[in-house]
Structures are given as C-alpha cells and as structure tokens.
Amino acid sequence: MIKLSDFEDGHDYPGDFEADLAAVQERLERIQVAHICHKRRAVVMFEGWDAAGKGGAIQRLTARWDPRYFAVHPIAAPSAEEKARHFLWRFWTRLPANGEIAVFDRSWYGRVLVERVEGYASADEWKRGYDEINEFEAQQINSGTTLVKIFLHVTQAEQDKRLLNRLDDPWKRWKTGLDDYRNRSRRKEYLDAIEDMFKRTDTRVAPWTVIDGNDKKSARVAALTAIADQLEAHVPMKPPPLDAELERIARKALGAG
C-alpha cells in the first residue's frame, strides 16, 4: 500500500547535485540512443500536485535527448473533438512509434483524479475508469512498450510556498491560475482520489513510483534515476555492431584506412 505520508521528508540533497544530475542525464542520453537503435518504445508519465515539480523534472529528463525521437505531451482539458470520443482516445493518438519515447505531463489518470473530484465525469464513468486504465496499460506493455509512472508529492506547506513564489515572480506568473487554488481548496478530496488510484492501479506490470518532491534537487535526481532504472531494464544497452560495408566505404572516403 502506497502512503503519501511516507514521502514528505524533503531533506536537502546530500551530494554534489550538478555532478549527479549530469551523470544521470548522460545515462539517460545513452538509454534514448538504445531505444532508437533497437527500435524500442517507451512512455514516461508524470502525475502529481500543482507546483510539485513535474515540469522541472521533464525539462531535465529530456535535456540531452535527441528531439527527433521524443515528444512531450502536456495534457490539459480535452477539446470538443476529444470529448466526443472515449476518454482514452486522445492518449492512443499520442503513443510513441518504435524508437521513440513519449513523455506525458499529466495523463489518463485525470479520469480518476480531476474528473472525479471536479465532477467532470459521472460516478459510473470514473469508477469504470480504473479497469479501463489497467487494461490500456496492460495492452501497451504486452505490445512491447515500457511504461514508467511517476507521482510527484509535496506537502500543502511546500505547495503554498511555491504558489506564492509564482505569484510574486512576474516571470513565473504564467504558470499559475485559478485552477491551482480551486484544486488546493479540495486537497482532502484529491487525497482520497489519489489513495483510491494507487489502490486500484498500482499493479504488478505497471507499478507507481512516488517521489518526495519537497526538495527540488533531491526530487529531480530521484525521479530521473528511477526513470533511467526502469527504461534501462527493458532495452538492450549494447550498441549494435558497425555495418562492415559502411565502415569500408567511410574509412576509404575519410582516408582512415
């Protein structure tokens, strides 16, 4: 059983943050290359509170990736076209091809979180959503997609500190809006929904990884390391051999033997 209260220490990062971040980013760069070379696909999905650090983690996750082979999908309210279809349709259309990694900033879990709490989905719809989500995830995994599910947790006090910082900094105000404060006022309802979400969707094939987000540096290294571990476990990390004909032509053209 996942308990968010186990992820609230928020200790300062104990090591050399810049060096450790660079090391895990270099590792992730090679992991992306492995996906490209071996034509593997993956989905990395982030959920968490407003101002929990999802955007900052994604920025550092993708910092050294080749932009041709990954996409970041920020998930907001569905469009009219998307509302006219099953709630998972808009995620099917964003799934990666072979050799690609898709990163979701929020996800299909909106069905059992914001849509549940804010009343955008009926009780029948969001209750049915757990099984629909589990089946959707199992389909992706069974077809060869690696799925990583990250939840970034912060306490109410830390969230309030970050929201105030966004309000006071004119270059960060664009990141906050009325929704942040409506959601904040219903934290207890969201906590209940999150607890049910973990209970129903933390499965053997698609487990959740919860990150203590109360210290940004610690959270970023922890999140990137967890993602690297899970991606690396499902892709060969040995580069493919150099094509002999390509090598012969290249060395001749370059005067290298």
C-alpha atoms as a PDB file:
ATOM      1  CA  MET A   1       0.000   0.000   0.000  1.00  0.00           C
ATOM      2  CA  ILE A   2       1.402   3.373  -1.053  1.00  0.00           C
ATOM      3  CA  LYS A   3       1.101   6.070   1.641  1.00  0.00           C
ATOM      4  CA  LEU A   4       1.947   9.624   0.613  1.00  0.00           C
ATOM      5  CA  SER A   5       2.918  10.432   4.194  1.00  0.00           C
ATOM      6  CA  ASP A   6       5.990   8.245   3.644  1.00  0.00           C
ATOM      7  CA  PHE A   7       7.237  10.739   1.041  1.00  0.00           C
ATOM      8  CA  GLU A   8       7.333  14.020   2.953  1.00  0.00           C
ATOM      9  CA  ASP A   9      10.838  14.266   4.446  1.00  0.00           C
ATOM     10  CA  GLY A  10      12.116  16.831   1.975  1.00  0.00           C
ATOM     11  CA  HIS A  11      15.760  16.522   3.046  1.00  0.00           C
ATOM     12  CA  ASP A  12      18.317  18.740   1.316  1.00  0.00           C
ATOM     13  CA  TYR A  13      20.251  16.967  -1.415  1.00  0.00           C
ATOM     14  CA  PRO A  14      23.200  15.265   0.304  1.00  0.00           C
ATOM     15  CA  GLY A  15      25.720  15.161  -2.563  1.00  0.00           C
ATOM     16  CA  ASP A  16      27.045  17.161  -5.497  1.00  0.00           C
ATOM     17  CA  PHE A  17      23.777  17.917  -7.256  1.00  0.00           C
ATOM     18  CA  GLU A  18      25.206  19.264 -10.512  1.00  0.00           C
ATOM     19  CA  ALA A  19      27.595  16.331 -10.912  1.00  0.00           C
ATOM     20  CA  ASP A  20      24.955  13.738 -10.057  1.00  0.00           C
ATOM     21  CA  LEU A  21      22.389  15.354 -12.337  1.00  0.00           C
ATOM     22  CA  ALA A  22      24.877  15.422 -15.211  1.00  0.00           C
ATOM     23  CA  ALA A  23      25.724  11.758 -14.621  1.00  0.00           C
ATOM     24  CA  VAL A  24      22.118  10.568 -14.733  1.00  0.00           C
ATOM     25  CA  GLN A  25      21.425  12.764 -17.780  1.00  0.00           C
ATOM     26  CA  GLU A  26      24.376  11.176 -19.588  1.00  0.00           C
ATOM     27  CA  ARG A  27      22.966   7.777 -18.673  1.00  0.00           C
ATOM     28  CA  LEU A  28      19.539   8.791 -19.995  1.00  0.00           C
ATOM     29  CA  GLU A  29      21.121  10.026 -23.229  1.00  0.00           C
ATOM     30  CA  ARG A  30      22.537   6.556 -23.854  1.00  0.00           C
ATOM     31  CA  ILE A  31      19.247   4.951 -22.898  1.00  0.00           C
ATOM     32  CA  GLN A  32      17.459   7.036 -25.526  1.00  0.00           C
ATOM     33  CA  VAL A  33      20.051   6.005 -28.126  1.00  0.00           C
ATOM     34  CA  ALA A  34      19.451   2.372 -27.169  1.00  0.00           C
ATOM     35  CA  HIS A  35      15.723   2.864 -27.822  1.00  0.00           C
ATOM     36  CA  ILE A  36      16.479   4.413 -31.206  1.00  0.00           C
ATOM     37  CA  CYS A  37      18.999   1.759 -32.270  1.00  0.00           C
ATOM     38  CA  HIS A  38      16.954  -1.200 -31.067  1.00  0.00           C
ATOM     39  CA  LYS A  39      13.623   0.311 -32.165  1.00  0.00           C
ATOM     40  CA  ARG A  40      12.064   0.113 -28.714  1.00  0.00           C
ATOM     41  CA  ARG A  41       9.352   2.448 -27.485  1.00  0.00           C
ATOM     42  CA  ALA A  42       8.524   3.825 -24.051  1.00  0.00           C
ATOM     43  CA  VAL A  43       6.079   6.042 -22.206  1.00  0.00           C
ATOM     44  CA  VAL A  44       7.114   8.114 -19.191  1.00  0.00           C
ATOM     45  CA  MET A  45       4.123   9.574 -17.391  1.00  0.00           C
ATOM     46  CA  PHE A  46       4.067  12.216 -14.649  1.00  0.00           C
ATOM     47  CA  GLU A  47       1.260  12.909 -12.210  1.00  0.00           C
ATOM     48  CA  GLY A  48       1.347  14.974  -9.030  1.00  0.00           C
ATOM     49  CA  TRP A  49       0.168  18.095  -7.278  1.00  0.00           C
ATOM     50  CA  ASP A  50       0.203  21.541  -8.864  1.00  0.00           C
ATOM     51  CA  ALA A  51       3.701  23.031  -8.376  1.00  0.00           C
ATOM     52  CA  ALA A  52       5.114  19.625  -7.401  1.00  0.00           C
ATOM     53  CA  GLY A  53       7.921  19.905  -9.957  1.00  0.00           C
ATOM     54  CA  LYS A  54       6.661  17.907 -12.932  1.00  0.00           C
ATOM     55  CA  GLY A  55       7.780  20.489 -15.482  1.00  0.00           C
ATOM     56  CA  GLY A  56      11.223  20.888 -13.941  1.00  0.00           C
ATOM     57  CA  ALA A  57      11.752  17.129 -13.869  1.00  0.00           C
ATOM     58  CA  ILE A  58      10.659  16.768 -17.505  1.00  0.00           C
ATOM     59  CA  GLN A  59      12.946  19.609 -18.582  1.00  0.00           C
ATOM     60  CA  ARG A  60      15.934  17.854 -17.031  1.00  0.00           C
ATOM     61  CA  LEU A  61      14.837  14.404 -18.171  1.00  0.00           C
ATOM     62  CA  THR A  62      14.871  15.440 -21.832  1.00  0.00           C
ATOM     63  CA  ALA A  63      17.766  17.915 -21.700  1.00  0.00           C
ATOM     64  CA  ARG A  64      20.192  15.654 -23.601  1.00  0.00           C
ATOM     65  CA  TRP A  65      17.718  13.713 -25.707  1.00  0.00           C
ATOM     66  CA  ASP A  66      17.560  13.951 -29.485  1.00  0.00           C
ATOM     67  CA  PRO A  67      14.349  15.938 -30.119  1.00  0.00           C
ATOM     68  CA  ARG A  68      13.558  13.894 -33.234  1.00  0.00           C
ATOM     69  CA  TYR A  69      12.845  10.800 -31.163  1.00  0.00           C
ATOM     70  CA  PHE A  70      10.824  12.019 -28.196  1.00  0.00           C
ATOM     71  CA  ALA A  71       7.714  14.111 -27.617  1.00  0.00           C
ATOM     72  CA  VAL A  72       6.354  15.823 -24.502  1.00  0.00           C
ATOM     73  CA  HIS A  73       2.577  15.900 -24.259  1.00  0.00           C
ATOM     74  CA  PRO A  74       1.157  18.459 -21.786  1.00  0.00           C
ATOM     75  CA  ILE A  75      -2.340  17.224 -21.001  1.00  0.00           C
ATOM     76  CA  ALA A  76      -4.962  19.885 -20.360  1.00  0.00           C
ATOM     77  CA  ALA A  77      -8.763  19.833 -20.565  1.00  0.00           C
ATOM     78  CA  PRO A  78      -9.990  17.762 -23.529  1.00  0.00           C
ATOM     79  CA  SER A  79     -11.069  19.531 -26.706  1.00  0.00           C
ATOM     80  CA  ALA A  80     -14.578  19.237 -28.116  1.00  0.00           C
ATOM     81  CA  GLU A  81     -13.295  16.617 -30.568  1.00  0.00           C
ATOM     82  CA  GLU A  82     -11.746  14.621 -27.731  1.00  0.00           C
ATOM     83  CA  LYS A  83     -14.864  14.855 -25.560  1.00  0.00           C
ATOM     84  CA  ALA A  84     -16.853  13.291 -28.398  1.00  0.00           C
ATOM     85  CA  ARG A  85     -14.806  10.076 -28.044  1.00  0.00           C
ATOM     86  CA  HIS A  86     -13.769   7.632 -25.342  1.00  0.00           C
ATOM     87  CA  PHE A  87     -11.535   9.369 -22.805  1.00  0.00           C
ATOM     88  CA  LEU A  88      -8.541   7.228 -23.763  1.00  0.00           C
ATOM     89  CA  TRP A  89      -8.738   8.158 -27.455  1.00  0.00           C
ATOM     90  CA  ARG A  90      -6.594  11.269 -27.102  1.00  0.00           C
ATOM     91  CA  PHE A  91      -3.872   9.192 -25.461  1.00  0.00           C
ATOM     92  CA  TRP A  92      -3.922   6.483 -28.104  1.00  0.00           C
ATOM     93  CA  THR A  93      -3.214   9.181 -30.685  1.00  0.00           C
ATOM     94  CA  ARG A  94      -0.119  10.284 -28.762  1.00  0.00           C
ATOM     95  CA  LEU A  95       1.511   6.885 -28.210  1.00  0.00           C
ATOM     96  CA  PRO A  96       5.105   6.527 -29.461  1.00  0.00           C
ATOM     97  CA  ALA A  97       6.300   4.631 -32.512  1.00  0.00           C
ATOM     98  CA  ASN A  98       9.247   2.234 -32.444  1.00  0.00           C
ATOM     99  CA  GLY A  99      12.420   4.071 -31.457  1.00  0.00           C
ATOM    100  CA  GLU A 100      10.523   6.852 -29.692  1.00  0.00           C
ATOM    101  CA  ILE A 101       9.801   7.894 -26.102  1.00  0.00           C
ATOM    102  CA  ALA A 102       6.611   9.771 -25.208  1.00  0.00           C
ATOM    103  CA  VAL A 103       6.539  11.896 -22.045  1.00  0.00           C
ATOM    104  CA  PHE A 104       3.164  12.820 -20.573  1.00  0.00           C
ATOM    105  CA  ASP A 105       2.811  15.833 -18.269  1.00  0.00           C
ATOM    106  CA  ARG A 106      -0.394  14.570 -16.660  1.00  0.00           C
ATOM    107  CA  SER A 107      -2.228  11.691 -18.216  1.00  0.00           C
ATOM    108  CA  TRP A 108      -5.202   9.368 -18.497  1.00  0.00           C
ATOM    109  CA  TYR A 109      -5.319   9.383 -14.694  1.00  0.00           C
ATOM    110  CA  GLY A 110      -7.232  12.636 -14.945  1.00  0.00           C
ATOM    111  CA  ARG A 111     -10.291  10.395 -15.269  1.00  0.00           C
ATOM    112  CA  VAL A 112      -9.987   9.212 -11.669  1.00  0.00           C
ATOM    113  CA  LEU A 113      -8.472  12.410 -10.258  1.00  0.00           C
ATOM    114  CA  VAL A 114      -9.583  15.829 -11.543  1.00  0.00           C
ATOM    115  CA  GLU A 115     -12.595  14.499 -13.468  1.00  0.00           C
ATOM    116  CA  ARG A 116     -13.746  12.625 -10.388  1.00  0.00           C
ATOM    117  CA  VAL A 117     -13.181  15.436  -7.882  1.00  0.00           C
ATOM    118  CA  GLU A 118     -14.479  18.267 -10.056  1.00  0.00           C
ATOM    119  CA  GLY A 119     -17.488  16.299 -11.304  1.00  0.00           C
ATOM    120  CA  TYR A 120     -16.468  16.268 -14.977  1.00  0.00           C
ATOM    121  CA  ALA A 121     -17.076  12.513 -15.070  1.00  0.00           C
ATOM    122  CA  SER A 122     -20.057  10.726 -13.553  1.00  0.00           C
ATOM    123  CA  ALA A 123     -19.514   8.255 -10.719  1.00  0.00           C
ATOM    124  CA  ASP A 124     -20.124   5.373 -13.125  1.00  0.00           C
ATOM    125  CA  GLU A 125     -17.562   6.771 -15.556  1.00  0.00           C
ATOM    126  CA  TRP A 126     -14.705   7.316 -13.127  1.00  0.00           C
ATOM    127  CA  LYS A 127     -15.345   4.059 -11.261  1.00  0.00           C
ATOM    128  CA  ARG A 128     -15.222   2.207 -14.582  1.00  0.00           C
ATOM    129  CA  GLY A 129     -12.057   4.136 -15.379  1.00  0.00           C
ATOM    130  CA  TYR A 130      -9.806   2.047 -13.114  1.00  0.00           C
ATOM    131  CA  ASP A 131     -10.349  -1.143 -15.102  1.00  0.00           C
ATOM    132  CA  GLU A 132     -10.173   0.742 -18.398  1.00  0.00           C
ATOM    133  CA  ILE A 133      -6.848   2.280 -17.398  1.00  0.00           C
ATOM    134  CA  ASN A 134      -5.397  -1.022 -16.188  1.00  0.00           C
ATOM    135  CA  GLU A 135      -6.407  -2.703 -19.446  1.00  0.00           C
ATOM    136  CA  PHE A 136      -4.984   0.177 -21.510  1.00  0.00           C
ATOM    137  CA  GLU A 137      -1.657  -0.006 -19.677  1.00  0.00           C
ATOM    138  CA  ALA A 138      -1.504  -3.794 -19.946  1.00  0.00           C
ATOM    139  CA  GLN A 139      -2.095  -3.510 -23.697  1.00  0.00           C
ATOM    140  CA  GLN A 140       0.827  -1.138 -24.085  1.00  0.00           C
ATOM    141  CA  ILE A 141       3.163  -3.292 -22.011  1.00  0.00           C
ATOM    142  CA  ASN A 142       2.112  -6.526 -23.722  1.00  0.00           C
ATOM    143  CA  SER A 143       2.812  -4.939 -27.114  1.00  0.00           C
ATOM    144  CA  GLY A 144       6.370  -4.038 -26.088  1.00  0.00           C
ATOM    145  CA  THR A 145       6.064  -0.517 -24.685  1.00  0.00           C
ATOM    146  CA  THR A 146       7.918   0.266 -21.474  1.00  0.00           C
ATOM    147  CA  LEU A 147       5.674   2.250 -19.120  1.00  0.00           C
ATOM    148  CA  VAL A 148       7.045   4.380 -16.279  1.00  0.00           C
ATOM    149  CA  LYS A 149       4.540   6.021 -13.899  1.00  0.00           C
ATOM    150  CA  ILE A 150       5.871   8.813 -11.668  1.00  0.00           C
ATOM    151  CA  PHE A 151       3.886  10.631  -8.969  1.00  0.00           C
ATOM    152  CA  LEU A 152       5.489  13.762  -7.501  1.00  0.00           C
ATOM    153  CA  HIS A 153       4.279  14.529  -3.989  1.00  0.00           C
ATOM    154  CA  VAL A 154       4.620  17.729  -1.978  1.00  0.00           C
ATOM    155  CA  THR A 155       3.061  18.779   1.314  1.00  0.00           C
ATOM    156  CA  GLN A 156       0.490  21.540   1.500  1.00  0.00           C
ATOM    157  CA  ALA A 157       3.063  23.856   3.113  1.00  0.00           C
ATOM    158  CA  GLU A 158       5.587  23.323   0.323  1.00  0.00           C
ATOM    159  CA  GLN A 159       2.951  23.718  -2.368  1.00  0.00           C
ATOM    160  CA  ASP A 160       1.809  27.010  -0.822  1.00  0.00           C
ATOM    161  CA  LYS A 161       5.400  28.274  -0.749  1.00  0.00           C
ATOM    162  CA  ARG A 162       5.825  27.532  -4.453  1.00  0.00           C
ATOM    163  CA  LEU A 163       2.463  29.005  -5.435  1.00  0.00           C
ATOM    164  CA  LEU A 164       3.353  32.220  -3.602  1.00  0.00           C
ATOM    165  CA  ASN A 165       6.707  32.320  -5.376  1.00  0.00           C
ATOM    166  CA  ARG A 166       4.941  32.020  -8.724  1.00  0.00           C
ATOM    167  CA  LEU A 167       2.577  34.823  -7.767  1.00  0.00           C
ATOM    168  CA  ASP A 168       5.412  37.159  -6.716  1.00  0.00           C
ATOM    169  CA  ASP A 169       7.727  36.452  -9.657  1.00  0.00           C
ATOM    170  CA  PRO A 170       6.459  38.207 -12.820  1.00  0.00           C
ATOM    171  CA  TRP A 171       8.307  35.663 -14.986  1.00  0.00           C
ATOM    172  CA  LYS A 172       6.582  32.740 -13.297  1.00  0.00           C
ATOM    173  CA  ARG A 173       3.024  34.066 -13.051  1.00  0.00           C
ATOM    174  CA  TRP A 174       2.100  32.417 -16.334  1.00  0.00           C
ATOM    175  CA  LYS A 175       2.484  29.063 -14.555  1.00  0.00           C
ATOM    176  CA  THR A 176      -0.351  29.689 -12.102  1.00  0.00           C
ATOM    177  CA  GLY A 177      -4.076  30.263 -12.456  1.00  0.00           C
ATOM    178  CA  LEU A 178      -7.422  29.972 -10.749  1.00  0.00           C
ATOM    179  CA  ASP A 179      -7.448  26.183 -11.164  1.00  0.00           C
ATOM    180  CA  ASP A 180      -4.455  25.907  -8.804  1.00  0.00           C
ATOM    181  CA  TYR A 181      -6.441  27.466  -5.977  1.00  0.00           C
ATOM    182  CA  ARG A 182      -9.649  25.594  -6.677  1.00  0.00           C
ATOM    183  CA  ASN A 183      -7.693  22.345  -6.575  1.00  0.00           C
ATOM    184  CA  ARG A 184      -5.871  23.451  -3.423  1.00  0.00           C
ATOM    185  CA  SER A 185      -9.169  24.058  -1.632  1.00  0.00           C
ATOM    186  CA  ARG A 186     -10.195  20.437  -2.290  1.00  0.00           C
ATOM    187  CA  ARG A 187      -6.976  18.771  -1.197  1.00  0.00           C
ATOM    188  CA  LYS A 188      -8.763  16.285   1.071  1.00  0.00           C
ATOM    189  CA  GLU A 189     -10.920  15.120  -1.843  1.00  0.00           C
ATOM    190  CA  TYR A 190      -7.856  14.798  -4.039  1.00  0.00           C
ATOM    191  CA  LEU A 191      -6.054  12.830  -1.329  1.00  0.00           C
ATOM    192  CA  ASP A 192      -8.974  10.385  -1.213  1.00  0.00           C
ATOM    193  CA  ALA A 193      -8.934  10.083  -5.007  1.00  0.00           C
ATOM    194  CA  ILE A 194      -5.152   9.553  -5.063  1.00  0.00           C
ATOM    195  CA  GLU A 195      -5.394   6.858  -2.397  1.00  0.00           C
ATOM    196  CA  ASP A 196      -8.047   5.033  -4.452  1.00  0.00           C
ATOM    197  CA  MET A 197      -5.943   5.475  -7.591  1.00  0.00           C
ATOM    198  CA  PHE A 198      -2.909   3.836  -6.001  1.00  0.00           C
ATOM    199  CA  LYS A 199      -5.040   1.068  -4.522  1.00  0.00           C
ATOM    200  CA  ARG A 200      -6.647   0.228  -7.864  1.00  0.00           C
ATOM    201  CA  THR A 201      -3.843   0.900 -10.380  1.00  0.00           C
ATOM    202  CA  ASP A 202      -0.545   0.111  -8.647  1.00  0.00           C
ATOM    203  CA  THR A 203      -0.313  -3.192 -10.470  1.00  0.00           C
ATOM    204  CA  ARG A 204       2.447  -5.770 -10.843  1.00  0.00           C
ATOM    205  CA  VAL A 205       3.003  -4.929 -14.509  1.00  0.00           C
ATOM    206  CA  ALA A 206       2.523  -1.154 -14.150  1.00  0.00           C
ATOM    207  CA  PRO A 207       3.606  -0.052 -10.665  1.00  0.00           C
ATOM    208  CA  TRP A 208       3.674   3.530  -9.415  1.00  0.00           C
ATOM    209  CA  THR A 209       6.886   5.271  -8.333  1.00  0.00           C
ATOM    210  CA  VAL A 210       6.250   8.031  -5.801  1.00  0.00           C
ATOM    211  CA  ILE A 211       8.883  10.767  -5.455  1.00  0.00           C
ATOM    212  CA  ASP A 212       9.240  13.034  -2.428  1.00  0.00           C
ATOM    213  CA  GLY A 213       9.161  16.388  -4.195  1.00  0.00           C
ATOM    214  CA  ASN A 214       9.639  18.647  -1.178  1.00  0.00           C
ATOM    215  CA  ASP A 215      13.289  19.301  -2.041  1.00  0.00           C
ATOM    216  CA  LYS A 216      13.596  20.050  -5.753  1.00  0.00           C
ATOM    217  CA  LYS A 217      17.181  18.856  -6.168  1.00  0.00           C
ATOM    218  CA  SER A 218      16.569  15.561  -4.389  1.00  0.00           C
ATOM    219  CA  ALA A 219      13.345  15.030  -6.323  1.00  0.00           C
ATOM    220  CA  ARG A 220      14.930  15.658  -9.700  1.00  0.00           C
ATOM    221  CA  VAL A 221      17.791  13.227  -9.199  1.00  0.00           C
ATOM    222  CA  ALA A 222      15.462  10.628  -7.645  1.00  0.00           C
ATOM    223  CA  ALA A 223      12.912  10.903 -10.458  1.00  0.00           C
ATOM    224  CA  LEU A 224      15.481  10.759 -13.257  1.00  0.00           C
ATOM    225  CA  THR A 225      17.265   7.834 -11.612  1.00  0.00           C
ATOM    226  CA  ALA A 226      14.013   5.895 -11.205  1.00  0.00           C
ATOM    227  CA  ILE A 227      13.123   6.539 -14.848  1.00  0.00           C
ATOM    228  CA  ALA A 228      16.589   5.504 -16.030  1.00  0.00           C
ATOM    229  CA  ASP A 229      16.436   2.293 -13.985  1.00  0.00           C
ATOM    230  CA  GLN A 230      13.060   1.304 -15.410  1.00  0.00           C
ATOM    231  CA  LEU A 231      13.835   2.221 -19.010  1.00  0.00           C
ATOM    232  CA  GLU A 232      17.223   0.520 -18.939  1.00  0.00           C
ATOM    233  CA  ALA A 233      15.701  -2.696 -17.628  1.00  0.00           C
ATOM    234  CA  HIS A 234      13.675  -3.097 -20.833  1.00  0.00           C
ATOM    235  CA  VAL A 235      16.117  -2.189 -23.610  1.00  0.00           C
ATOM    236  CA  PRO A 236      19.414  -3.788 -24.678  1.00  0.00           C
ATOM    237  CA  MET A 237      22.220  -1.432 -23.649  1.00  0.00           C
ATOM    238  CA  LYS A 238      24.778  -2.878 -26.061  1.00  0.00           C
ATOM    239  CA  PRO A 239      25.223  -0.768 -29.214  1.00  0.00           C
ATOM    240  CA  PRO A 240      24.588  -2.609 -32.482  1.00  0.00           C
ATOM    241  CA  PRO A 241      27.719  -3.611 -34.451  1.00  0.00           C
ATOM    242  CA  LEU A 242      29.079  -1.291 -37.112  1.00  0.00           C
ATOM    243  CA  ASP A 243      27.934  -2.310 -40.589  1.00  0.00           C
ATOM    244  CA  ALA A 244      31.000  -3.714 -42.367  1.00  0.00           C
ATOM    245  CA  GLU A 245      30.174  -2.162 -45.753  1.00  0.00           C
ATOM    246  CA  LEU A 246      29.502   1.225 -44.199  1.00  0.00           C
ATOM    247  CA  GLU A 247      32.794   1.056 -42.341  1.00  0.00           C
ATOM    248  CA  ARG A 248      34.718   0.153 -45.504  1.00  0.00           C
ATOM    249  CA  ILE A 249      33.205   2.998 -47.524  1.00  0.00           C
ATOM    250  CA  ALA A 250      33.514   5.518 -44.702  1.00  0.00           C
ATOM    251  CA  ARG A 251      37.142   4.745 -43.932  1.00  0.00           C
ATOM    252  CA  LYS A 252      38.041   4.938 -47.599  1.00  0.00           C
ATOM    253  CA  ALA A 253      36.240   8.272 -48.003  1.00  0.00           C
ATOM    254  CA  LEU A 254      37.853   9.674 -44.891  1.00  0.00           C
ATOM    255  CA  GLY A 255      41.318   8.358 -45.665  1.00  0.00           C
ATOM    256  CA  ALA A 256      41.326   6.403 -42.441  1.00  0.00           C
ATOM    257  CA  GLY A 257      42.494   3.046 -43.629  1.00  0.00           C
END
